Structures are given as structure tokens and as C-alpha cells.
């Protein structure tokens, strides 16, 4: 099979990576500063201020969208526009990594979004240095609230894909439990996520007289067990679906039957038909169980995010850029996990690609997964990631000019 050739092949071979490697000290400095100021949700004032100041130092024009704490910066000029996106929000996790620059504000960049924001700042610096060579416009999106699945939607509502209109988009995510600089990609890398809250209302009473009340804890237990049956007995083992109840709360005293019980959970799938079936059954099962145990119920949708679907041709283009950047980089078409990402909203509007890049520290015994209070990330992947961002944008604009 002949490899497809792209316009401008071998131009500036490895030059961007050399320039990026020279930024290692600065990238680490940015990352550690961001790591010490983790903010959550749609309101990231300190993070936005930091990123904006660095963009100003580079002489890059940017716009801050205050309502959603997003920053959009533009480099180059031309009809075609390629967007690079990095999220920058943290998690409500108390850090226990032992790093000398660990956060102390009760929140943590346990998912590596400080690494992502740093990567995009590094790409910005590289692209600004080569602005005269760009065959179009690169749009940089620093996004908030990925962890709550609200940031991408808010950014879209704010018009980040317009003025100029974005033609394609690319993003990457670091992995603290994967070989450093190893890259994985795929057509369907991450699932949809349907988050829901079930509120069960009974009738409170003294624990000594349960016959005078309606116990929502009992109802909740039976709802929980019934929902597990959906995956175990109603979905084929050949399908990919995960249904998790992660929060079950009720009562405040040992001798009181409470008035309410709350269950919160998430459903993750790749196929729309499987997702729709399970959502329908969640409502049917909850209704039936609640009626059986005389409880009232309400189901609230917490989030409803589509699966991440990547454009196959764009994947191929970017992997070509990656291999041209550094032939020794390991890249595998194996990205297909049950996690979710609101970058999927952009993929519904424009051709998009989403990769994972390994960021495991040297001692594998210290590797843990995302969202863990002990998570550590290898900063030596930052120059490589920044160079991949920059080269992917430059090559795409050159190939599609």
C-alpha cells in the first residue's frame, strides 16, 4: 500500500521539535504556575489572567469570553482556519502527589489540564515565531469546564467557531499512566455520557414505626439493583456500555426514616441506539420500582454529551505530521476508551481529531490514572506536545490552502 503524500512534505523537518525542546524550562515554569492555581467549572479568573498575560508577552491578539472563562487567540491570516483546543479547569480533589509545587487550595489538576494549557501556550509561541509561513489562520481555544461537560457547549454558544469560521479542529489529552510521549488515536476514541439524578420522595417517620412512613432508602436500594440488571441482562456482551451509580445519599440520623433519597449516575456508550434504549429503560425501571415501593420519583438530566468521533482523513494527516516531526515517536490506532470528553461537541460541527499522549513519570510504580489525588505528569512530554500542535496546524493549512 502506497503512503499518501501531502503537500510540502519534509519542509522544516524536526525544526519545530528542536525549537520546542529549547522551551522546556519555560514550559515547566508555566505548567507549575498553573498547577498551583487550579480552578473549577466555568469561572477561572486566575487561570485566564495568567494565560492572557503570556499571550500578551508573545504579541498575540486574543479575546476573553468572560461568561465562560474561555480565551480565543488568533495567529496568522487567511481564508482557511485550523483550531487547536486545550482545556484548563481542575477538579475538586485535594492533592496528595507530594510534588514540591502541589496545589494547596483544595482543588487539583488531577486530569492534567494544566499540562494541556501549557501545551497550547507552547504551540502559540512556536506558531508566532513562524507566523509568516502560515497559509491561513490558527485559532487557539483555551477552554473552561471540561470536567463538568459545560465548557465546550458554552464556548460554542459564545461563537468560538466563527470569525473566522473554523474548518477543522485538533486536541490532545495527557495520560499519566502511559509511556511518556506514546501517542494513541482512533475513529471513536471516547464515549458519550448521559449523567442523571434520581430523586425519590417517601414519607419520613421515626425509625421505630416504619409502618407509618415510606422508606426512600429501601426504594433507592431496589432502583440501584434494578439498574445494574440493565447492563447484566439487557445489553449484549458484544456491545460497549457502562452504567455507574456514583452517588447515593439519604438520611441524617440513625433512628429516622428520611423523606428523600438521591442517586446520581452516568451512562457511557458509543452507539446511539444502545444509549437511547438504556435511557428509556432507566426511566421505565425507576418508575416501576418507585411505584412498587410507594415512592414518588423525579429524574433530572445532569449532562448529555455525544461520543467523540474523529475524522479519519484528519487523523491520517496529523499522524503523518507527527511521524515527520519525530520518526521515533510511537503512535498506535488503539484509542478507544470508556471515558468521555466535551470536545465531541466540536466534532459534531467540523472535522476533528483527538489524540492521547503519554505522560507517565520515569518510575512506573508512581503511575496512577486520571482524577487520582496522587497523579503525577512527566513534563518532558510538553515540548513534544507543543510541537505536534504547531506542526499539525501548519501542515493542515499548507495542505488545504
Protein backbone atom coordinates (compact mmCIF):
# COMPACT_ATOMS: atom_id res chain seq x y z
CA UNK A 1 0.00 0.00 0.00
CA UNK A 2 1.45 3.32 -1.05
CA UNK A 3 1.64 6.02 1.59
CA UNK A 4 -0.28 9.14 0.71
CA UNK A 5 1.96 12.15 0.21
CA UNK A 6 0.99 15.58 1.50
CA UNK A 7 1.88 18.96 0.08
CA UNK A 8 5.05 20.43 1.50
CA UNK A 9 6.36 17.07 2.78
CA UNK A 10 9.67 17.22 4.72
CA UNK A 11 9.67 21.03 4.90
CA UNK A 12 11.32 22.14 8.18
CA UNK A 13 11.85 18.52 9.23
CA UNK A 14 12.34 18.35 13.02
CA UNK A 15 12.96 22.11 13.23
CA UNK A 16 9.81 22.75 15.27
CA UNK A 17 10.71 19.98 17.69
CA UNK A 18 14.20 21.47 18.16
CA UNK A 19 12.65 24.86 18.89
CA UNK A 20 10.10 23.29 21.21
CA UNK A 21 12.77 21.38 23.15
CA UNK A 22 14.54 24.68 23.74
CA UNK A 23 11.39 25.84 25.56
CA UNK A 24 11.47 23.02 28.15
CA UNK A 25 12.39 25.26 31.08
CA UNK A 26 9.76 27.87 30.21
CA UNK A 27 7.08 25.24 29.63
CA UNK A 28 7.80 23.65 33.02
CA UNK A 29 7.62 27.07 34.66
CA UNK A 30 4.21 27.77 33.09
CA UNK A 31 2.90 24.34 33.96
CA UNK A 32 3.93 24.58 37.63
CA UNK A 33 2.39 28.03 37.97
CA UNK A 34 -0.88 26.77 36.54
CA UNK A 35 -0.70 23.64 38.67
CA UNK A 36 -0.68 25.77 41.82
CA UNK A 37 -3.83 27.70 40.89
CA UNK A 38 -6.42 25.05 39.93
CA UNK A 39 -9.93 26.44 39.43
CA UNK A 40 -13.09 24.54 38.59
CA UNK A 41 -16.14 24.99 36.40
CA UNK A 42 -16.94 27.93 34.15
CA UNK A 43 -15.24 30.56 36.32
CA UNK A 44 -11.43 30.52 36.07
CA UNK A 45 -10.33 34.13 36.71
CA UNK A 46 -6.75 33.45 37.86
CA UNK A 47 -6.10 30.93 35.10
CA UNK A 48 -7.48 33.25 32.44
CA UNK A 49 -5.37 36.14 33.75
CA UNK A 50 -2.21 34.00 33.64
CA UNK A 51 -2.78 32.73 30.10
CA UNK A 52 -3.77 36.19 28.83
CA UNK A 53 -0.58 37.75 30.21
CA UNK A 54 1.59 35.16 28.49
CA UNK A 55 -0.20 35.71 25.19
CA UNK A 56 0.36 39.45 25.56
CA UNK A 57 4.09 38.86 26.06
CA UNK A 58 4.11 36.94 22.78
CA UNK A 59 2.30 39.75 20.96
CA UNK A 60 -0.69 37.52 20.16
CA UNK A 61 -4.16 39.01 19.82
CA UNK A 62 -6.81 37.32 21.94
CA UNK A 63 -10.38 37.66 23.19
CA UNK A 64 -11.62 36.66 26.64
CA UNK A 65 -15.18 35.37 26.90
CA UNK A 66 -15.96 36.34 30.48
CA UNK A 67 -19.20 34.35 30.81
CA UNK A 68 -17.43 31.05 30.19
CA UNK A 69 -13.80 31.90 31.07
CA UNK A 70 -12.60 30.95 27.60
CA UNK A 71 -9.79 32.61 25.66
CA UNK A 72 -9.59 32.65 21.87
CA UNK A 73 -6.33 33.76 20.25
CA UNK A 74 -5.55 34.17 16.54
CA UNK A 75 -2.23 33.70 14.73
CA UNK A 76 -1.76 34.20 11.02
CA UNK A 77 -4.22 35.36 8.42
CA UNK A 78 -6.10 33.72 5.61
CA UNK A 79 -9.31 32.11 4.45
CA UNK A 80 -8.67 28.67 5.97
CA UNK A 81 -8.77 28.31 9.77
CA UNK A 82 -7.50 25.44 11.92
CA UNK A 83 -8.37 25.35 15.62
CA UNK A 84 -6.22 23.97 18.43
CA UNK A 85 -8.05 23.44 21.71
CA UNK A 86 -6.86 22.86 25.27
CA UNK A 87 -8.97 22.74 28.41
CA UNK A 88 -7.65 24.37 31.60
CA UNK A 89 -10.04 23.61 34.50
CA UNK A 90 -9.21 21.49 37.54
CA UNK A 91 -11.05 19.13 39.86
CA UNK A 92 -12.38 19.41 43.44
CA UNK A 93 -9.69 16.95 44.60
CA UNK A 94 -7.25 17.57 47.45
CA UNK A 95 -3.77 16.95 46.07
CA UNK A 96 -1.59 14.22 47.59
CA UNK A 97 1.04 13.93 44.84
CA UNK A 98 3.95 15.06 47.01
CA UNK A 99 5.17 17.37 44.25
CA UNK A 100 7.03 20.46 45.56
CA UNK A 101 4.65 22.63 43.52
CA UNK A 102 1.49 20.84 44.66
CA UNK A 103 -1.73 22.81 44.91
CA UNK A 104 -2.84 23.84 48.39
CA UNK A 105 -6.28 25.33 47.68
CA UNK A 106 -8.27 22.09 47.96
CA UNK A 107 -8.50 21.62 44.19
CA UNK A 108 -6.10 19.84 41.85
CA UNK A 109 -5.13 19.44 38.21
CA UNK A 110 -5.56 15.68 38.63
CA UNK A 111 -6.54 15.28 34.97
CA UNK A 112 -3.60 17.23 33.53
CA UNK A 113 -5.40 20.26 32.19
CA UNK A 114 -2.51 22.42 33.41
CA UNK A 115 -0.38 20.37 31.00
CA UNK A 116 -2.89 21.00 28.22
CA UNK A 117 -2.97 24.77 28.72
CA UNK A 118 0.84 24.81 28.81
CA UNK A 119 1.00 22.79 25.59
CA UNK A 120 -1.19 25.32 23.83
CA UNK A 121 0.87 28.22 25.15
CA UNK A 122 3.98 26.48 23.83
CA UNK A 123 2.32 25.96 20.45
CA UNK A 124 1.33 29.61 20.44
CA UNK A 125 4.93 30.66 20.89
CA UNK A 126 6.13 28.35 18.11
CA UNK A 127 3.39 29.44 15.72
CA UNK A 128 4.01 33.12 16.41
CA UNK A 129 7.68 32.63 15.50
CA UNK A 130 6.57 31.10 12.18
CA UNK A 131 3.54 33.29 11.59
CA UNK A 132 4.82 34.46 8.23
CA UNK A 133 4.85 30.88 6.96
CA UNK A 134 1.24 30.10 7.86
CA UNK A 135 -1.07 29.56 4.89
CA UNK A 136 -4.12 30.63 6.86
CA UNK A 137 -5.25 31.28 10.42
CA UNK A 138 -4.65 29.22 13.54
CA UNK A 139 -7.27 29.72 16.24
CA UNK A 140 -6.27 28.79 19.78
CA UNK A 141 -9.05 27.94 22.23
CA UNK A 142 -8.29 27.79 25.94
CA UNK A 143 -11.47 26.23 27.31
CA UNK A 144 -13.06 26.02 30.75
CA UNK A 145 -15.37 23.45 32.41
CA UNK A 146 -14.48 20.30 30.50
CA UNK A 147 -14.75 18.32 33.72
CA UNK A 148 -18.39 19.33 34.11
CA UNK A 149 -19.07 18.94 30.36
CA UNK A 150 -20.26 22.55 30.16
CA UNK A 151 -17.26 24.38 28.70
CA UNK A 152 -17.37 23.32 25.05
CA UNK A 153 -21.11 23.98 24.80
CA UNK A 154 -20.66 27.42 26.40
CA UNK A 155 -17.78 28.19 24.03
CA UNK A 156 -19.87 27.17 21.03
CA UNK A 157 -22.76 29.33 22.23
CA UNK A 158 -20.29 32.21 22.51
CA UNK A 159 -19.37 31.75 18.83
CA UNK A 160 -15.81 30.43 19.06
CA UNK A 161 -16.13 28.56 15.75
CA UNK A 162 -16.91 31.81 13.91
CA UNK A 163 -14.99 34.98 12.96
CA UNK A 164 -13.05 33.39 11.38
CA UNK A 165 -15.00 30.23 10.67
CA UNK A 166 -13.15 27.12 11.83
CA UNK A 167 -12.60 24.45 9.15
CA UNK A 168 -11.06 21.70 11.32
CA UNK A 169 -10.00 21.19 14.94
CA UNK A 170 -7.47 19.20 16.94
CA UNK A 171 -6.89 18.47 20.63
CA UNK A 172 -4.81 16.12 22.77
CA UNK A 173 -5.02 14.76 26.31
CA UNK A 174 -2.11 13.68 28.50
CA UNK A 175 -2.14 10.25 30.16
CA UNK A 176 -0.25 9.87 33.48
CA UNK A 177 -0.45 6.06 33.33
CA UNK A 178 1.02 5.64 29.85
CA UNK A 179 4.52 5.55 28.40
CA UNK A 180 5.94 9.05 28.04
CA UNK A 181 5.32 10.55 24.57
CA UNK A 182 3.48 7.48 23.28
CA UNK A 183 0.53 8.55 21.11
CA UNK A 184 -2.75 6.74 20.54
CA UNK A 185 -5.61 7.73 18.23
CA UNK A 186 -8.75 6.27 16.67
CA UNK A 187 -12.03 6.97 14.93
CA UNK A 188 -14.16 6.55 18.07
CA UNK A 189 -11.79 7.37 20.94
CA UNK A 190 -14.29 8.20 23.71
CA UNK A 191 -17.92 7.51 24.60
CA UNK A 192 -20.98 9.64 25.06
CA UNK A 193 -22.00 10.40 28.64
CA UNK A 194 -25.52 10.74 29.99
CA UNK A 195 -25.47 11.98 33.58
CA UNK A 196 -28.64 11.73 35.63
CA UNK A 197 -30.04 12.34 39.11
CA UNK A 198 -32.92 10.29 40.56
CA UNK A 199 -34.77 11.90 43.46
CA UNK A 200 -37.01 9.53 45.42
CA UNK A 201 -39.53 11.01 47.85
CA UNK A 202 -41.09 8.89 50.59
CA UNK A 203 -42.60 9.79 53.95
CA UNK A 204 -40.39 10.47 56.92
CA UNK A 205 -41.06 8.89 60.28
CA UNK A 206 -39.41 7.60 63.45
CA UNK A 207 -37.25 4.54 62.96
CA UNK A 208 -39.35 2.62 65.47
CA UNK A 209 -42.54 2.98 63.40
CA UNK A 210 -41.60 2.25 59.77
CA UNK A 211 -45.20 1.27 59.01
CA UNK A 212 -46.17 4.94 59.39
CA UNK A 213 -43.72 6.09 56.72
CA UNK A 214 -42.44 5.31 53.24
CA UNK A 215 -38.74 4.48 53.19
CA UNK A 216 -36.95 6.09 50.18
CA UNK A 217 -33.70 4.29 51.12
CA UNK A 218 -35.40 0.95 50.54
CA UNK A 219 -36.73 2.23 47.22
CA UNK A 220 -33.29 3.55 46.28
CA UNK A 221 -31.60 0.22 47.00
CA UNK A 222 -34.05 -1.59 44.73
CA UNK A 223 -33.62 1.06 42.00
CA UNK A 224 -29.85 0.61 42.24
CA UNK A 225 -30.07 -3.17 41.89
CA UNK A 226 -32.57 -2.92 39.03
CA UNK A 227 -30.32 -0.55 37.07
CA UNK A 228 -27.40 -2.99 37.36
CA UNK A 229 -29.60 -5.57 35.67
CA UNK A 230 -29.84 -3.39 32.55
CA UNK A 231 -26.17 -3.95 31.69
CA UNK A 232 -26.01 -7.51 33.00
CA UNK A 233 -29.10 -8.88 31.27
CA UNK A 234 -30.44 -6.49 28.63
CA UNK A 235 -27.32 -5.41 26.74
CA UNK A 236 -25.29 -7.82 24.64
CA UNK A 237 -21.82 -8.64 25.91
CA UNK A 238 -20.63 -7.62 22.43
CA UNK A 239 -21.77 -4.05 22.99
CA UNK A 240 -19.87 -1.39 24.95
CA UNK A 241 -21.83 0.25 27.74
CA UNK A 242 -21.11 1.27 31.32
CA UNK A 243 -23.78 2.34 33.82
CA UNK A 244 -22.45 3.64 37.12
CA UNK A 245 -24.23 4.98 40.20
CA UNK A 246 -21.55 7.06 41.88
CA UNK A 247 -23.60 8.95 44.46
CA UNK A 248 -26.29 7.59 46.80
CA UNK A 249 -27.32 9.89 49.64
CA UNK A 250 -30.16 9.80 52.14
CA UNK A 251 -30.87 10.44 55.79
CA UNK A 252 -29.08 12.30 58.56
CA UNK A 253 -29.84 10.27 61.72
CA UNK A 254 -29.68 6.56 62.63
CA UNK A 255 -33.19 6.48 64.06
CA UNK A 256 -35.08 8.43 61.40
CA UNK A 257 -36.58 7.18 58.15
CA UNK A 258 -35.84 10.13 55.85
CA UNK A 259 -38.10 11.93 53.42
CA UNK A 260 -35.82 11.65 50.37
CA UNK A 261 -33.08 9.64 48.75
CA UNK A 262 -30.89 10.77 45.84
CA UNK A 263 -28.99 8.62 43.36
CA UNK A 264 -26.68 10.10 40.74
CA UNK A 265 -25.05 8.20 37.94
CA UNK A 266 -23.72 8.13 34.41
CA UNK A 267 -24.26 6.06 31.28
CA UNK A 268 -21.45 5.75 28.74
CA UNK A 269 -21.86 4.20 25.29
CA UNK A 270 -20.58 4.52 21.73
CA UNK A 271 -23.74 3.60 19.83
CA UNK A 272 -26.71 5.98 19.75
CA UNK A 273 -29.24 3.13 19.62
CA UNK A 274 -27.77 1.46 22.73
CA UNK A 275 -27.71 4.78 24.54
CA UNK A 276 -31.35 5.54 23.67
CA UNK A 277 -32.50 2.09 24.74
CA UNK A 278 -30.80 2.24 28.14
CA UNK A 279 -32.04 5.78 28.84
CA UNK A 280 -35.60 4.67 28.12
CA UNK A 281 -35.17 1.69 30.42
CA UNK A 282 -33.70 3.83 33.22
CA UNK A 283 -36.95 5.82 33.23
CA UNK A 284 -39.15 2.72 32.99
CA UNK A 285 -37.34 0.82 35.73
CA UNK A 286 -37.24 3.79 38.09
CA UNK A 287 -40.95 4.42 37.60
CA UNK A 288 -41.88 0.77 38.20
CA UNK A 289 -39.73 0.34 41.29
CA UNK A 290 -40.83 3.65 42.80
CA UNK A 291 -44.48 2.71 42.32
CA UNK A 292 -43.89 -0.74 43.81
CA UNK A 293 -42.45 0.77 46.99
CA UNK A 294 -44.91 3.69 47.11
CA UNK A 295 -42.37 6.44 46.45
CA UNK A 296 -42.55 9.44 44.16
CA UNK A 297 -39.69 9.99 41.75
CA UNK A 298 -38.07 12.61 39.52
CA UNK A 299 -35.25 12.13 37.02
CA UNK A 300 -33.06 15.11 36.20
CA UNK A 301 -30.56 15.16 33.33
CA UNK A 302 -27.18 16.43 34.56
CA UNK A 303 -25.38 16.24 31.22
CA UNK A 304 -25.89 14.67 27.83
CA UNK A 305 -22.67 14.72 25.82
CA UNK A 306 -22.19 12.92 22.47
CA UNK A 307 -19.41 10.43 21.79
CA UNK A 308 -16.12 11.73 20.41
CA UNK A 309 -15.92 10.85 16.72
CA UNK A 310 -12.77 11.70 14.81
CA UNK A 311 -12.42 12.40 11.11
CA UNK A 312 -10.39 9.50 9.67
CA UNK A 313 -8.65 11.58 6.99
CA UNK A 314 -7.72 14.27 9.51
CA UNK A 315 -6.33 11.59 11.84
CA UNK A 316 -4.17 10.36 8.98
CA UNK A 317 -2.92 13.85 8.19
CA UNK A 318 -1.95 14.60 11.77
CA UNK A 319 -0.27 11.23 12.29
CA UNK A 320 1.76 11.95 9.18
CA UNK A 321 2.80 15.27 10.72
CA UNK A 322 3.69 13.51 13.98
CA UNK A 323 5.91 10.95 12.24
CA UNK A 324 7.57 13.62 10.16
CA UNK A 325 8.23 15.63 13.30
CA UNK A 326 9.97 12.71 15.01
CA UNK A 327 10.09 9.27 13.33
CA UNK A 328 10.91 7.68 16.70
CA UNK A 329 7.59 8.71 18.27
CA UNK A 330 5.36 5.69 18.89
CA UNK A 331 1.83 6.09 17.51
CA UNK A 332 -0.88 3.43 17.60
CA UNK A 333 -4.51 3.41 16.32
CA UNK A 334 -5.77 1.97 19.64
CA UNK A 335 -7.57 4.91 21.26
CA UNK A 336 -10.99 3.53 22.24
CA UNK A 337 -11.88 4.01 25.92
CA UNK A 338 -14.98 4.41 28.07
CA UNK A 339 -14.08 7.93 29.21
CA UNK A 340 -15.87 10.99 27.81
CA UNK A 341 -14.90 14.46 26.61
CA UNK A 342 -16.92 17.51 25.62
CA UNK A 343 -14.57 18.08 22.66
CA UNK A 344 -17.19 15.91 20.98
CA UNK A 345 -19.36 19.00 20.53
CA UNK A 346 -16.77 20.46 18.16
CA UNK A 347 -16.57 17.18 16.26
CA UNK A 348 -20.28 17.47 15.51
CA UNK A 349 -19.67 20.81 13.76
CA UNK A 350 -16.32 20.43 11.98
CA UNK A 351 -13.85 17.65 11.09
CA UNK A 352 -11.94 17.00 14.31
CA UNK A 353 -9.21 14.78 15.75
CA UNK A 354 -8.50 13.92 19.37
CA UNK A 355 -5.33 12.09 20.49
CA UNK A 356 -3.85 10.83 23.77
CA UNK A 357 -0.17 11.43 24.53
CA UNK A 358 1.59 9.51 27.28
CA UNK A 359 2.92 11.49 30.22
CA UNK A 360 3.98 8.77 32.63
CA UNK A 361 6.82 9.62 35.01
CA UNK A 362 10.01 7.55 34.88
CA UNK A 363 9.09 5.37 37.87
CA UNK A 364 6.16 3.22 36.71
CA UNK A 365 5.34 2.42 40.34
CA UNK A 366 4.09 6.00 40.61
CA UNK A 367 1.71 5.69 37.67
CA UNK A 368 -1.95 6.21 38.57
CA UNK A 369 -4.97 7.10 36.46
CA UNK A 370 -6.67 10.42 35.90
CA UNK A 371 -8.57 12.13 38.74
CA UNK A 372 -6.36 10.47 41.35
CA UNK A 373 -5.00 12.71 44.17
CA UNK A 374 -1.57 11.09 43.67
CA UNK A 375 -1.40 11.78 39.91
CA UNK A 376 1.95 12.93 38.53
CA UNK A 377 2.75 14.00 34.98
CA UNK A 378 6.03 13.94 33.07
CA UNK A 379 6.84 17.47 31.93
CA UNK A 380 9.31 16.27 29.29
CA UNK A 381 6.34 15.48 27.03
CA UNK A 382 5.40 19.18 26.91
CA UNK A 383 7.79 20.26 24.13
CA UNK A 384 6.75 17.27 22.01
CA UNK A 385 3.07 18.01 22.53
CA UNK A 386 3.54 21.70 21.72
CA UNK A 387 5.46 20.83 18.54
CA UNK A 388 2.75 18.37 17.48
CA UNK A 389 0.09 21.06 17.92
CA UNK A 390 2.09 23.60 15.93
CA UNK A 391 3.09 21.25 13.14
CA UNK A 392 -0.41 19.79 12.80
CA UNK A 393 -1.80 23.30 12.31
CA UNK A 394 0.92 24.45 9.91
CA UNK A 395 0.72 21.30 7.80
CA UNK A 396 -3.07 21.27 7.63
CA UNK A 397 -3.18 24.89 6.45
CA UNK A 398 -0.47 24.15 3.88
CA UNK A 399 -2.25 21.04 2.61
CA UNK A 400 -5.65 22.76 2.34
CA UNK A 401 -4.66 26.22 1.16
